[in-house]
Amino acid sequence: MKRLLCLLAALAALLPRGHAAEPRCVALTFDDGPSGALTERLLDGLAARGVHATFFLCGYRIDLYPELAARIAAEGHETGTHGDTHSYFTSMSRAEVCRDLAEARRKLMEATGRAPTLLRPPGGLYDTAVLQQTACADLPVILWSVDPEDWHVHDADAVTAHILRHAEPGSVILMHDLTDSSVTAALRVIDALQAQGYEFLTVSELAARSGTALTPGQAYCSFPP
């Protein structure tokens, strides 16, 4: 009997051991801010939940709320650029795009002490050849895979339901810290997905977790594991 038990123990030691499941990860991103009290409430909620997000900030909004741009960076969130005036790059001349991005970069650096890490063109509209000649030529272009259209759907329940229905590991979720309903929905989404075992990462962290090397000028919508 002892020999049998020893044999069984030896065989068990040779079997592959189970590993804890890797956490499912997504990136929550916010466009068009900072937005005063709304961004403050969002930042308070993110801090309370231990979540870092990626903020694509507009230069003209940084002019209005430089202290909030500084707070976003100081609290460990990733800061990307969303241009200066939120004009669509495809409707601008090459020189206008270059000036717009240079201004946005300058304002972000003055407010936060650091350059943008990523670029999200307004509306997701851009020309790669034009971007290669701007002040942000060294930035990857980050689009999205989940869009609840919260910029015009001012219903927190509907926005939350859309995101929870479409989010999956590697998703890049597009939101805007422009309305109370969006901020409410964002915090509800975090609570619901964390309860399902999801982890929230910045875009660059999510890319690294998936083994993706972000390339300047290349566009990314999601980072599946």
Protein backbone atom coordinates (compact mmCIF):
# COMPACT_ATOMS: atom_id res chain seq x y z
CA MET A 1 0.00 0.00 0.00
CA LYS A 2 2.83 2.38 0.87
CA ARG A 3 4.48 1.65 -2.49
CA LEU A 4 1.18 2.41 -4.26
CA LEU A 5 0.76 5.68 -2.38
CA CYS A 6 4.33 6.69 -3.19
CA LEU A 7 3.79 5.83 -6.86
CA LEU A 8 0.60 7.87 -6.98
CA ALA A 9 2.35 10.79 -5.30
CA ALA A 10 5.20 10.60 -7.80
CA LEU A 11 2.79 10.55 -10.72
CA ALA A 12 0.89 13.51 -9.29
CA ALA A 13 4.11 15.49 -9.06
CA LEU A 14 4.69 14.94 -12.77
CA LEU A 15 1.28 16.24 -13.79
CA PRO A 16 1.05 19.90 -14.87
CA ARG A 17 -0.05 22.09 -12.02
CA GLY A 18 -3.04 24.35 -12.40
CA HIS A 19 -2.39 28.06 -12.62
CA ALA A 20 -4.58 30.91 -11.50
CA ALA A 21 -6.43 32.40 -14.44
CA GLU A 22 -4.88 35.55 -15.84
CA PRO A 23 -7.06 38.58 -15.18
CA ARG A 24 -9.11 39.84 -18.09
CA CYS A 25 -7.95 43.34 -18.97
CA VAL A 26 -9.48 46.36 -20.70
CA ALA A 27 -8.54 50.02 -21.12
CA LEU A 28 -10.95 52.81 -20.27
CA THR A 29 -10.28 55.99 -22.27
CA PHE A 30 -11.75 59.49 -22.02
CA ASP A 31 -11.79 62.10 -24.79
CA ASP A 32 -12.37 65.86 -24.98
CA GLY A 33 -11.48 66.88 -21.40
CA PRO A 34 -10.61 68.14 -18.92
CA SER A 35 -14.13 69.20 -17.97
CA GLY A 36 -14.09 70.86 -14.56
CA ALA A 37 -16.24 69.33 -11.84
CA LEU A 38 -17.13 66.33 -14.01
CA THR A 39 -13.49 65.36 -14.43
CA GLU A 40 -12.92 65.94 -10.73
CA ARG A 41 -15.75 63.52 -9.86
CA LEU A 42 -14.40 60.98 -12.33
CA LEU A 43 -10.88 61.22 -10.90
CA ASP A 44 -12.24 60.81 -7.38
CA GLY A 45 -14.12 57.69 -8.48
CA LEU A 46 -11.13 56.22 -10.27
CA ALA A 47 -8.91 56.78 -7.25
CA ALA A 48 -11.45 55.16 -4.93
CA ARG A 49 -11.49 52.08 -7.17
CA GLY A 50 -7.73 51.89 -7.76
CA VAL A 51 -8.16 52.33 -11.51
CA HIS A 52 -5.91 54.13 -13.98
CA ALA A 53 -7.33 55.29 -17.30
CA THR A 54 -6.05 57.01 -20.44
CA PHE A 55 -7.13 60.60 -21.07
CA PHE A 56 -6.94 62.14 -24.55
CA LEU A 57 -6.91 65.84 -23.72
CA CYS A 58 -7.76 68.80 -25.95
CA GLY A 59 -5.44 71.78 -25.87
CA TYR A 60 -8.22 74.33 -25.61
CA ARG A 61 -9.64 72.45 -22.61
CA ILE A 62 -6.21 72.38 -20.95
CA ASP A 63 -6.27 76.18 -21.27
CA LEU A 64 -9.46 76.19 -19.18
CA TYR A 65 -8.40 73.58 -16.61
CA PRO A 66 -4.60 73.30 -16.44
CA GLU A 67 -4.76 72.16 -12.82
CA LEU A 68 -6.95 69.22 -13.79
CA ALA A 69 -4.58 68.18 -16.55
CA ALA A 70 -1.81 68.26 -13.95
CA ARG A 71 -3.91 66.19 -11.54
CA ILE A 72 -4.65 63.57 -14.21
CA ALA A 73 -0.93 63.08 -14.79
CA ALA A 74 0.02 63.27 -11.10
CA GLU A 75 -2.46 60.52 -10.20
CA GLY A 76 -0.88 58.05 -12.60
CA HIS A 77 -3.25 58.21 -15.55
CA GLU A 78 -1.90 58.10 -19.07
CA THR A 79 -2.13 61.36 -21.02
CA GLY A 80 -2.55 61.36 -24.76
CA THR A 81 -3.38 64.20 -27.12
CA HIS A 82 -6.70 64.83 -28.84
CA GLY A 83 -5.49 67.85 -30.74
CA ASP A 84 -5.79 71.49 -29.79
CA THR A 85 -9.13 72.66 -31.22
CA HIS A 86 -10.92 69.30 -31.75
CA SER A 87 -11.09 70.03 -35.48
CA TYR A 88 -11.16 67.03 -37.83
CA PHE A 89 -7.71 66.61 -39.32
CA THR A 90 -9.12 65.48 -42.66
CA SER A 91 -10.79 68.89 -43.11
CA MET A 92 -7.59 70.81 -42.31
CA SER A 93 -4.55 71.63 -44.42
CA ARG A 94 -1.25 69.92 -43.70
CA ALA A 95 0.08 73.12 -42.10
CA GLU A 96 -3.06 73.49 -39.95
CA VAL A 97 -2.77 69.92 -38.65
CA CYS A 98 0.86 70.49 -37.79
CA ARG A 99 0.10 73.73 -35.92
CA ASP A 100 -2.84 72.14 -34.09
CA LEU A 101 -0.83 69.18 -32.82
CA ALA A 102 2.18 71.31 -31.93
CA GLU A 103 -0.02 73.59 -29.81
CA ALA A 104 -1.72 70.65 -28.12
CA ARG A 105 1.65 69.08 -27.32
CA ARG A 106 3.02 72.34 -25.92
CA LYS A 107 0.01 72.89 -23.67
CA LEU A 108 0.07 69.36 -22.33
CA MET A 109 3.77 69.59 -21.54
CA GLU A 110 3.33 72.95 -19.79
CA ALA A 111 0.45 71.65 -17.66
CA THR A 112 1.78 68.19 -16.81
CA GLY A 113 5.53 68.32 -17.36
CA ARG A 114 5.40 65.48 -19.85
CA ALA A 115 4.74 64.97 -23.53
CA PRO A 116 1.76 62.97 -24.80
CA THR A 117 2.33 59.24 -25.18
CA LEU A 118 -0.49 58.53 -27.62
CA LEU A 119 -2.64 60.29 -30.22
CA ARG A 120 -6.37 59.97 -30.78
CA PRO A 121 -7.47 62.14 -33.72
CA PRO A 122 -10.88 63.77 -33.25
CA GLY A 123 -13.50 61.48 -34.74
CA GLY A 124 -10.76 58.95 -35.47
CA LEU A 125 -10.16 60.79 -38.77
CA TYR A 126 -6.61 61.32 -39.99
CA ASP A 127 -4.13 60.91 -42.84
CA THR A 128 -1.02 58.89 -41.93
CA ALA A 129 1.18 60.78 -44.38
CA VAL A 130 0.16 64.10 -42.84
CA LEU A 131 0.72 62.89 -39.26
CA GLN A 132 4.26 61.83 -40.16
CA GLN A 133 5.12 65.50 -40.69
CA THR A 134 3.67 66.86 -37.44
CA ALA A 135 4.94 67.42 -33.91
CA CYS A 136 3.22 64.16 -32.96
CA ALA A 137 4.83 61.97 -35.61
CA ASP A 138 6.31 59.76 -32.91
CA LEU A 139 2.93 58.72 -31.48
CA PRO A 140 0.86 55.60 -32.07
CA VAL A 141 -2.76 56.28 -33.08
CA ILE A 142 -5.26 54.81 -30.65
CA LEU A 143 -8.82 54.25 -31.81
CA TRP A 144 -11.32 52.01 -29.97
CA SER A 145 -13.31 48.79 -30.08
CA VAL A 146 -16.24 49.71 -27.79
CA ASP A 147 -18.15 52.95 -28.41
CA PRO A 148 -21.32 53.61 -26.39
CA GLU A 149 -21.67 57.03 -28.08
CA ASP A 150 -21.97 58.61 -24.66
CA TRP A 151 -21.27 62.04 -26.13
CA HIS A 152 -24.89 62.17 -27.30
CA VAL A 153 -26.57 59.26 -25.45
CA HIS A 154 -27.15 61.01 -22.13
CA ASP A 155 -28.54 57.94 -20.40
CA ALA A 156 -26.22 56.28 -17.86
CA ASP A 157 -28.20 53.03 -17.91
CA ALA A 158 -28.03 52.73 -21.70
CA VAL A 159 -24.31 53.60 -21.85
CA THR A 160 -23.48 51.13 -19.08
CA ALA A 161 -25.50 48.35 -20.72
CA HIS A 162 -23.82 48.91 -24.10
CA ILE A 163 -20.33 48.70 -22.65
CA LEU A 164 -21.05 45.63 -20.53
CA ARG A 165 -22.59 43.92 -23.56
CA HIS A 166 -19.59 44.55 -25.83
CA ALA A 167 -16.54 44.62 -23.55
CA GLU A 168 -14.16 41.69 -23.82
CA PRO A 169 -10.53 41.06 -22.91
CA GLY A 170 -8.32 43.55 -24.75
CA SER A 171 -11.08 46.08 -25.41
CA VAL A 172 -10.35 49.79 -25.68
CA ILE A 173 -13.46 51.56 -24.42
CA LEU A 174 -14.23 55.06 -25.71
CA MET A 175 -15.92 57.51 -23.32
CA HIS A 176 -16.06 61.26 -22.69
CA ASP A 177 -15.87 63.04 -19.33
CA LEU A 178 -18.29 65.69 -20.58
CA THR A 179 -21.61 64.80 -18.95
CA ASP A 180 -22.83 63.56 -15.59
CA SER A 181 -24.37 60.51 -17.25
CA SER A 182 -21.02 59.51 -18.78
CA VAL A 183 -19.17 59.76 -15.47
CA THR A 184 -21.90 57.81 -13.70
CA ALA A 185 -21.81 55.12 -16.39
CA ALA A 186 -18.01 54.88 -16.29
CA LEU A 187 -17.98 54.21 -12.55
CA ARG A 188 -20.81 51.67 -12.87
CA VAL A 189 -18.90 49.88 -15.63
CA ILE A 190 -15.79 49.69 -13.48
CA ASP A 191 -17.74 48.23 -10.57
CA ALA A 192 -19.49 45.67 -12.77
CA LEU A 193 -16.40 44.53 -14.69
CA GLN A 194 -14.22 44.40 -11.60
CA ALA A 195 -16.86 42.11 -10.05
CA GLN A 196 -16.40 39.87 -13.11
CA GLY A 197 -12.65 39.72 -12.56
CA TYR A 198 -11.59 42.39 -15.04
CA GLU A 199 -8.55 44.59 -14.50
CA PHE A 200 -8.39 48.14 -15.86
CA LEU A 201 -5.10 49.22 -17.44
CA THR A 202 -3.90 52.26 -19.36
CA VAL A 203 -3.68 51.80 -23.12
CA SER A 204 0.09 51.42 -23.05
CA GLU A 205 -0.15 48.89 -20.21
CA LEU A 206 -2.81 46.93 -22.08
CA ALA A 207 -0.67 46.88 -25.22
CA ALA A 208 2.34 45.66 -23.24
CA ARG A 209 0.26 42.99 -21.49
CA SER A 210 -0.83 41.67 -24.91
CA GLY A 211 2.76 41.69 -26.21
CA THR A 212 2.08 44.51 -28.68
CA ALA A 213 4.88 46.96 -29.41
CA LEU A 214 3.22 50.28 -30.19
CA THR A 215 4.54 51.72 -33.46
CA PRO A 216 4.42 55.46 -34.29
CA GLY A 217 1.78 56.24 -36.90
CA GLN A 218 0.14 52.85 -36.70
CA ALA A 219 -3.50 52.64 -35.58
CA TYR A 220 -4.77 50.27 -32.91
CA CYS A 221 -8.37 49.50 -31.93
CA SER A 222 -7.89 46.80 -29.31
CA PHE A 223 -5.26 44.51 -27.79
CA PRO A 224 -6.59 40.93 -27.54
CA PRO A 225 -4.58 38.69 -25.22
